[in-house]
Amino acid sequence: MIIHEHKASRLDATFAALADPTRRAILARLAAGEASVMELAEPFAISQPAVSMHLKVLEKAGLIVRGRDAQRRPCRLVARPLREADDWIRQYKQFWEESFDKLETVLSRIQSRERGRAQRSKT
């Protein structure tokens, strides 16, 4: 499947953002609902500015949006880039499943032959 350059760029940004465990944890938290930067920073042993840097990466990748509610700037998860990444991965999942099915067939044939040889050698 050919991917347009723009879509490939979005996938690159999504996977780059997902490469960091802190950013994945932030996304997991946002899956439960929007949260402020301070709320997102709370469980981590890193500074609030460091969390803000992670949020910028997630925002640039299109994985989150930041709103404005008076002094609070809540962050919210955007699912579309994750869906696109899942669609891309799903193609390869199907390839690997088919490959493993073929391998299983070959291994079953080999095992059958080996059992046949073992039975013939006993007689």
N, C-alpha and C. Protein backbone atom coordinates (compact mmCIF):
# COMPACT_ATOMS: atom_id res chain seq x y z
N MET A 1 0.83 -1.18 0.00
CA MET A 1 0.00 0.00 0.00
C MET A 1 0.88 1.24 0.00
N ILE A 2 0.60 2.16 -0.90
CA ILE A 2 1.35 3.39 -1.00
C ILE A 2 0.73 4.42 -0.06
N ILE A 3 1.57 5.09 0.71
CA ILE A 3 1.10 6.09 1.65
C ILE A 3 1.50 7.45 1.12
N HIS A 4 0.55 8.38 1.11
CA HIS A 4 0.86 9.76 0.71
C HIS A 4 1.92 10.32 1.63
N GLU A 5 2.70 11.25 1.11
CA GLU A 5 3.78 11.85 1.88
C GLU A 5 3.26 12.52 3.16
N HIS A 6 2.12 13.20 3.07
CA HIS A 6 1.56 13.88 4.24
C HIS A 6 1.16 12.87 5.32
N LYS A 7 0.52 11.79 4.89
CA LYS A 7 0.10 10.76 5.85
C LYS A 7 1.33 10.07 6.45
N ALA A 8 2.37 9.84 5.64
CA ALA A 8 3.60 9.24 6.14
C ALA A 8 4.25 10.14 7.17
N SER A 9 4.22 11.44 6.93
CA SER A 9 4.78 12.39 7.88
C SER A 9 4.01 12.37 9.20
N ARG A 10 2.68 12.26 9.12
CA ARG A 10 1.87 12.16 10.34
C ARG A 10 2.19 10.88 11.09
N LEU A 11 2.35 9.78 10.35
CA LEU A 11 2.72 8.52 11.01
C LEU A 11 4.07 8.64 11.69
N ASP A 12 5.03 9.26 11.02
CA ASP A 12 6.35 9.46 11.61
C ASP A 12 6.23 10.23 12.92
N ALA A 13 5.45 11.31 12.91
CA ALA A 13 5.28 12.12 14.11
C ALA A 13 4.58 11.33 15.21
N THR A 14 3.59 10.54 14.84
CA THR A 14 2.88 9.73 15.83
C THR A 14 3.81 8.72 16.47
N PHE A 15 4.55 7.97 15.66
CA PHE A 15 5.44 6.95 16.22
C PHE A 15 6.58 7.58 17.02
N ALA A 16 7.08 8.73 16.59
CA ALA A 16 8.12 9.42 17.35
C ALA A 16 7.59 9.83 18.71
N ALA A 17 6.37 10.34 18.74
CA ALA A 17 5.76 10.75 20.01
C ALA A 17 5.52 9.54 20.91
N LEU A 18 5.10 8.43 20.33
CA LEU A 18 4.81 7.22 21.11
C LEU A 18 6.06 6.50 21.59
N ALA A 19 7.22 6.88 21.06
CA ALA A 19 8.46 6.20 21.42
C ALA A 19 8.87 6.45 22.87
N ASP A 20 8.34 7.49 23.47
CA ASP A 20 8.74 7.84 24.83
C ASP A 20 7.72 7.33 25.85
N PRO A 21 8.16 6.63 26.90
CA PRO A 21 7.23 6.07 27.88
C PRO A 21 6.45 7.14 28.66
N THR A 22 7.06 8.29 28.89
CA THR A 22 6.34 9.36 29.59
C THR A 22 5.18 9.86 28.74
N ARG A 23 5.43 10.03 27.45
CA ARG A 23 4.35 10.50 26.56
C ARG A 23 3.25 9.45 26.45
N ARG A 24 3.62 8.17 26.42
CA ARG A 24 2.59 7.12 26.39
C ARG A 24 1.76 7.15 27.66
N ALA A 25 2.41 7.39 28.80
CA ALA A 25 1.68 7.46 30.07
C ALA A 25 0.75 8.68 30.09
N ILE A 26 1.20 9.77 29.53
CA ILE A 26 0.35 10.96 29.45
C ILE A 26 -0.88 10.66 28.59
N LEU A 27 -0.67 10.01 27.46
CA LEU A 27 -1.81 9.65 26.60
C LEU A 27 -2.77 8.71 27.32
N ALA A 28 -2.22 7.77 28.07
CA ALA A 28 -3.07 6.84 28.83
C ALA A 28 -3.92 7.61 29.83
N ARG A 29 -3.32 8.58 30.49
CA ARG A 29 -4.07 9.39 31.45
C ARG A 29 -5.15 10.20 30.73
N LEU A 30 -4.82 10.78 29.58
CA LEU A 30 -5.80 11.59 28.85
C LEU A 30 -6.92 10.74 28.25
N ALA A 31 -6.68 9.44 28.08
CA ALA A 31 -7.75 8.56 27.60
C ALA A 31 -8.89 8.50 28.61
N ALA A 32 -8.60 8.81 29.87
CA ALA A 32 -9.63 8.82 30.91
C ALA A 32 -10.36 10.16 30.98
N GLY A 33 -9.86 11.16 30.27
CA GLY A 33 -10.49 12.48 30.27
C GLY A 33 -9.46 13.58 30.28
N GLU A 34 -9.91 14.78 29.98
CA GLU A 34 -8.97 15.90 29.90
C GLU A 34 -8.34 16.19 31.26
N ALA A 35 -7.15 16.83 31.20
CA ALA A 35 -6.41 17.14 32.42
C ALA A 35 -5.54 18.36 32.18
N SER A 36 -5.23 19.06 33.24
CA SER A 36 -4.33 20.22 33.16
C SER A 36 -2.88 19.73 33.15
N VAL A 37 -1.98 20.64 32.81
CA VAL A 37 -0.55 20.31 32.83
C VAL A 37 -0.13 19.88 34.23
N MET A 38 -0.61 20.58 35.23
CA MET A 38 -0.26 20.24 36.61
C MET A 38 -0.77 18.84 36.98
N GLU A 39 -1.98 18.52 36.56
CA GLU A 39 -2.53 17.19 36.83
C GLU A 39 -1.73 16.11 36.10
N LEU A 40 -1.30 16.42 34.90
CA LEU A 40 -0.51 15.45 34.13
C LEU A 40 0.89 15.28 34.71
N ALA A 41 1.44 16.35 35.27
CA ALA A 41 2.80 16.30 35.83
C ALA A 41 2.86 15.56 37.15
N GLU A 42 1.75 15.53 37.87
CA GLU A 42 1.70 14.99 39.23
C GLU A 42 2.36 13.62 39.43
N PRO A 43 2.05 12.61 38.61
CA PRO A 43 2.61 11.28 38.90
C PRO A 43 4.07 11.09 38.48
N PHE A 44 4.66 12.07 37.82
CA PHE A 44 6.02 11.91 37.29
C PHE A 44 7.05 12.57 38.19
N ALA A 45 8.23 12.00 38.21
CA ALA A 45 9.35 12.56 38.97
C ALA A 45 10.16 13.49 38.06
N ILE A 46 9.45 14.29 37.28
CA ILE A 46 10.09 15.27 36.41
C ILE A 46 9.40 16.61 36.62
N SER A 47 10.05 17.65 36.19
CA SER A 47 9.51 19.00 36.42
C SER A 47 8.31 19.28 35.52
N GLN A 48 7.55 20.27 35.91
CA GLN A 48 6.41 20.70 35.09
C GLN A 48 6.87 21.19 33.71
N PRO A 49 8.01 21.93 33.61
CA PRO A 49 8.50 22.30 32.28
C PRO A 49 8.85 21.09 31.40
N ALA A 50 9.37 20.04 32.02
CA ALA A 50 9.68 18.82 31.25
C ALA A 50 8.39 18.19 30.73
N VAL A 51 7.35 18.17 31.57
CA VAL A 51 6.06 17.64 31.12
C VAL A 51 5.53 18.52 29.98
N SER A 52 5.69 19.82 30.10
CA SER A 52 5.24 20.73 29.04
C SER A 52 5.95 20.45 27.72
N MET A 53 7.23 20.09 27.80
CA MET A 53 7.95 19.74 26.57
C MET A 53 7.37 18.48 25.95
N HIS A 54 7.03 17.49 26.77
CA HIS A 54 6.40 16.27 26.26
C HIS A 54 5.05 16.61 25.62
N LEU A 55 4.31 17.51 26.25
CA LEU A 55 3.01 17.91 25.70
C LEU A 55 3.15 18.60 24.35
N LYS A 56 4.21 19.38 24.18
CA LYS A 56 4.45 20.03 22.89
C LYS A 56 4.68 19.00 21.79
N VAL A 57 5.43 17.95 22.12
CA VAL A 57 5.66 16.88 21.14
C VAL A 57 4.34 16.20 20.79
N LEU A 58 3.54 15.90 21.80
CA LEU A 58 2.24 15.26 21.56
C LEU A 58 1.31 16.17 20.75
N GLU A 59 1.35 17.45 21.06
CA GLU A 59 0.51 18.41 20.34
C GLU A 59 0.96 18.54 18.89
N LYS A 60 2.26 18.62 18.67
CA LYS A 60 2.80 18.73 17.31
C LYS A 60 2.43 17.49 16.48
N ALA A 61 2.38 16.33 17.13
CA ALA A 61 2.01 15.09 16.45
C ALA A 61 0.50 14.98 16.24
N GLY A 62 -0.25 15.92 16.79
CA GLY A 62 -1.70 15.90 16.64
C GLY A 62 -2.40 14.94 17.59
N LEU A 63 -1.67 14.44 18.59
CA LEU A 63 -2.23 13.47 19.52
C LEU A 63 -3.02 14.11 20.66
N ILE A 64 -2.77 15.39 20.91
CA ILE A 64 -3.52 16.12 21.92
C ILE A 64 -3.86 17.51 21.41
N VAL A 65 -4.84 18.12 22.01
CA VAL A 65 -5.13 19.54 21.80
C VAL A 65 -5.23 20.17 23.19
N ARG A 66 -4.87 21.44 23.23
CA ARG A 66 -4.97 22.17 24.50
C ARG A 66 -6.06 23.22 24.36
N GLY A 67 -6.91 23.25 25.35
CA GLY A 67 -7.98 24.24 25.38
C GLY A 67 -7.62 25.39 26.29
N ARG A 68 -8.58 26.24 26.50
CA ARG A 68 -8.38 27.34 27.45
C ARG A 68 -9.66 27.48 28.26
N ASP A 69 -9.50 27.39 29.57
CA ASP A 69 -10.61 27.51 30.50
C ASP A 69 -10.14 28.43 31.62
N ALA A 70 -10.33 29.74 31.44
CA ALA A 70 -9.83 30.76 32.37
C ALA A 70 -8.31 30.61 32.46
N GLN A 71 -7.78 30.34 33.66
CA GLN A 71 -6.33 30.18 33.84
C GLN A 71 -5.86 28.77 33.49
N ARG A 72 -6.77 27.87 33.42
CA ARG A 72 -6.47 26.44 33.18
C ARG A 72 -6.39 26.19 31.69
N ARG A 73 -5.40 25.38 31.27
CA ARG A 73 -5.28 24.98 29.87
C ARG A 73 -5.39 23.45 29.79
N PRO A 74 -6.61 22.95 29.80
CA PRO A 74 -6.76 21.48 29.81
C PRO A 74 -6.31 20.85 28.49
N CYS A 75 -5.73 19.68 28.61
CA CYS A 75 -5.29 18.91 27.45
C CYS A 75 -6.31 17.79 27.21
N ARG A 76 -6.50 17.49 25.94
CA ARG A 76 -7.46 16.45 25.57
C ARG A 76 -6.83 15.56 24.50
N LEU A 77 -7.08 14.27 24.59
CA LEU A 77 -6.58 13.29 23.64
C LEU A 77 -7.30 13.44 22.30
N VAL A 78 -6.55 13.28 21.21
CA VAL A 78 -7.12 13.24 19.86
C VAL A 78 -6.81 11.85 19.32
N ALA A 79 -7.84 11.10 19.00
CA ALA A 79 -7.67 9.68 18.66
C ALA A 79 -7.26 9.43 17.21
N ARG A 80 -7.54 10.34 16.31
CA ARG A 80 -7.32 10.06 14.89
C ARG A 80 -5.90 9.59 14.55
N PRO A 81 -4.84 10.26 15.03
CA PRO A 81 -3.50 9.76 14.69
C PRO A 81 -3.25 8.34 15.20
N LEU A 82 -3.83 8.01 16.35
CA LEU A 82 -3.67 6.64 16.86
C LEU A 82 -4.40 5.65 15.97
N ARG A 83 -5.56 6.05 15.47
CA ARG A 83 -6.31 5.18 14.56
C ARG A 83 -5.51 4.95 13.27
N GLU A 84 -4.89 6.01 12.76
CA GLU A 84 -4.07 5.88 11.55
C GLU A 84 -2.88 4.95 11.78
N ALA A 85 -2.25 5.07 12.95
CA ALA A 85 -1.13 4.18 13.28
C ALA A 85 -1.61 2.74 13.41
N ASP A 86 -2.78 2.56 14.02
CA ASP A 86 -3.35 1.22 14.16
C ASP A 86 -3.67 0.62 12.79
N ASP A 87 -4.21 1.42 11.89
CA ASP A 87 -4.50 0.94 10.53
C ASP A 87 -3.22 0.48 9.84
N TRP A 88 -2.16 1.26 10.00
CA TRP A 88 -0.88 0.93 9.38
C TRP A 88 -0.33 -0.37 9.97
N ILE A 89 -0.37 -0.50 11.28
CA ILE A 89 0.13 -1.70 11.96
C ILE A 89 -0.71 -2.92 11.59
N ARG A 90 -2.01 -2.72 11.46
CA ARG A 90 -2.92 -3.83 11.15
C ARG A 90 -2.55 -4.53 9.84
N GLN A 91 -2.06 -3.76 8.86
CA GLN A 91 -1.62 -4.37 7.59
C GLN A 91 -0.52 -5.40 7.83
N TYR A 92 0.42 -5.04 8.69
CA TYR A 92 1.53 -5.93 8.97
C TYR A 92 1.13 -7.07 9.89
N LYS A 93 0.17 -6.82 10.75
CA LYS A 93 -0.36 -7.89 11.60
C LYS A 93 -0.94 -8.99 10.72
N GLN A 94 -1.71 -8.61 9.71
CA GLN A 94 -2.29 -9.59 8.79
C GLN A 94 -1.18 -10.35 8.07
N PHE A 95 -0.13 -9.65 7.63
CA PHE A 95 0.99 -10.30 6.96
C PHE A 95 1.62 -11.34 7.88
N TRP A 96 1.89 -10.97 9.14
CA TRP A 96 2.53 -11.89 10.06
C TRP A 96 1.64 -13.06 10.42
N GLU A 97 0.35 -12.81 10.57
CA GLU A 97 -0.57 -13.91 10.87
C GLU A 97 -0.59 -14.92 9.72
N GLU A 98 -0.62 -14.42 8.49
CA GLU A 98 -0.60 -15.32 7.34
C GLU A 98 0.72 -16.08 7.28
N SER A 99 1.83 -15.39 7.59
CA SER A 99 3.14 -16.04 7.58
C SER A 99 3.21 -17.13 8.65
N PHE A 100 2.69 -16.84 9.83
CA PHE A 100 2.70 -17.83 10.90
C PHE A 100 1.79 -19.01 10.57
N ASP A 101 0.67 -18.76 9.90
CA ASP A 101 -0.21 -19.86 9.48
C ASP A 101 0.52 -20.78 8.50
N LYS A 102 1.26 -20.18 7.56
CA LYS A 102 2.03 -20.99 6.60
C LYS A 102 3.11 -21.78 7.32
N LEU A 103 3.79 -21.14 8.27
CA LEU A 103 4.82 -21.82 9.03
C LEU A 103 4.23 -22.98 9.83
N GLU A 104 3.07 -22.76 10.43
CA GLU A 104 2.41 -23.82 11.19
C GLU A 104 2.08 -25.01 10.29
N THR A 105 1.64 -24.75 9.07
CA THR A 105 1.34 -25.82 8.12
C THR A 105 2.59 -26.62 7.80
N VAL A 106 3.69 -25.93 7.54
CA VAL A 106 4.96 -26.61 7.23
C VAL A 106 5.43 -27.44 8.42
N LEU A 107 5.36 -26.85 9.61
CA LEU A 107 5.80 -27.59 10.80
C LEU A 107 4.93 -28.81 11.07
N SER A 108 3.63 -28.70 10.82
CA SER A 108 2.73 -29.85 11.00
C SER A 108 3.10 -30.97 10.04
N ARG A 109 3.42 -30.62 8.80
CA ARG A 109 3.83 -31.64 7.82
C ARG A 109 5.11 -32.32 8.25
N ILE A 110 6.07 -31.55 8.74
CA ILE A 110 7.35 -32.12 9.19
C ILE A 110 7.11 -33.05 10.38
N GLN A 111 6.29 -32.60 11.33
CA GLN A 111 6.00 -33.44 12.50
C GLN A 111 5.30 -34.72 12.09
N SER A 112 4.38 -34.65 11.14
CA SER A 112 3.68 -35.85 10.67
C SER A 112 4.67 -36.83 10.05
N ARG A 113 5.58 -36.29 9.22
CA ARG A 113 6.60 -37.16 8.62
C ARG A 113 7.48 -37.80 9.68
N GLU A 114 7.88 -37.02 10.68
CA GLU A 114 8.72 -37.55 11.75
C GLU A 114 8.00 -38.64 12.53
N ARG A 115 6.71 -38.44 12.82
CA ARG A 115 5.94 -39.46 13.54
C ARG A 115 5.83 -40.73 12.69
N GLY A 116 5.62 -40.53 11.38
CA GLY A 116 5.54 -41.68 10.48
C GLY A 116 6.85 -42.46 10.47
N ARG A 117 7.97 -41.77 10.42
CA ARG A 117 9.28 -42.43 10.44
C ARG A 117 9.50 -43.15 11.77
N ALA A 118 9.10 -42.52 12.85
CA ALA A 118 9.29 -43.13 14.18
C ALA A 118 8.46 -44.41 14.29
N GLN A 119 7.25 -44.37 13.77
CA GLN A 119 6.38 -45.56 13.84
C GLN A 119 6.93 -46.67 12.96
N ARG A 120 7.43 -46.33 11.77
CA ARG A 120 8.00 -47.35 10.89
C ARG A 120 9.26 -47.97 11.48
N SER A 121 10.05 -47.18 12.18
CA SER A 121 11.28 -47.71 12.75
C SER A 121 11.00 -48.63 13.95
N LYS A 122 9.83 -48.49 14.58
CA LYS A 122 9.46 -49.35 15.71
C LYS A 122 9.02 -50.72 15.21
N THR A 123 8.55 -50.80 13.99
CA THR A 123 8.04 -52.08 13.48
C THR A 123 9.09 -52.87 12.76
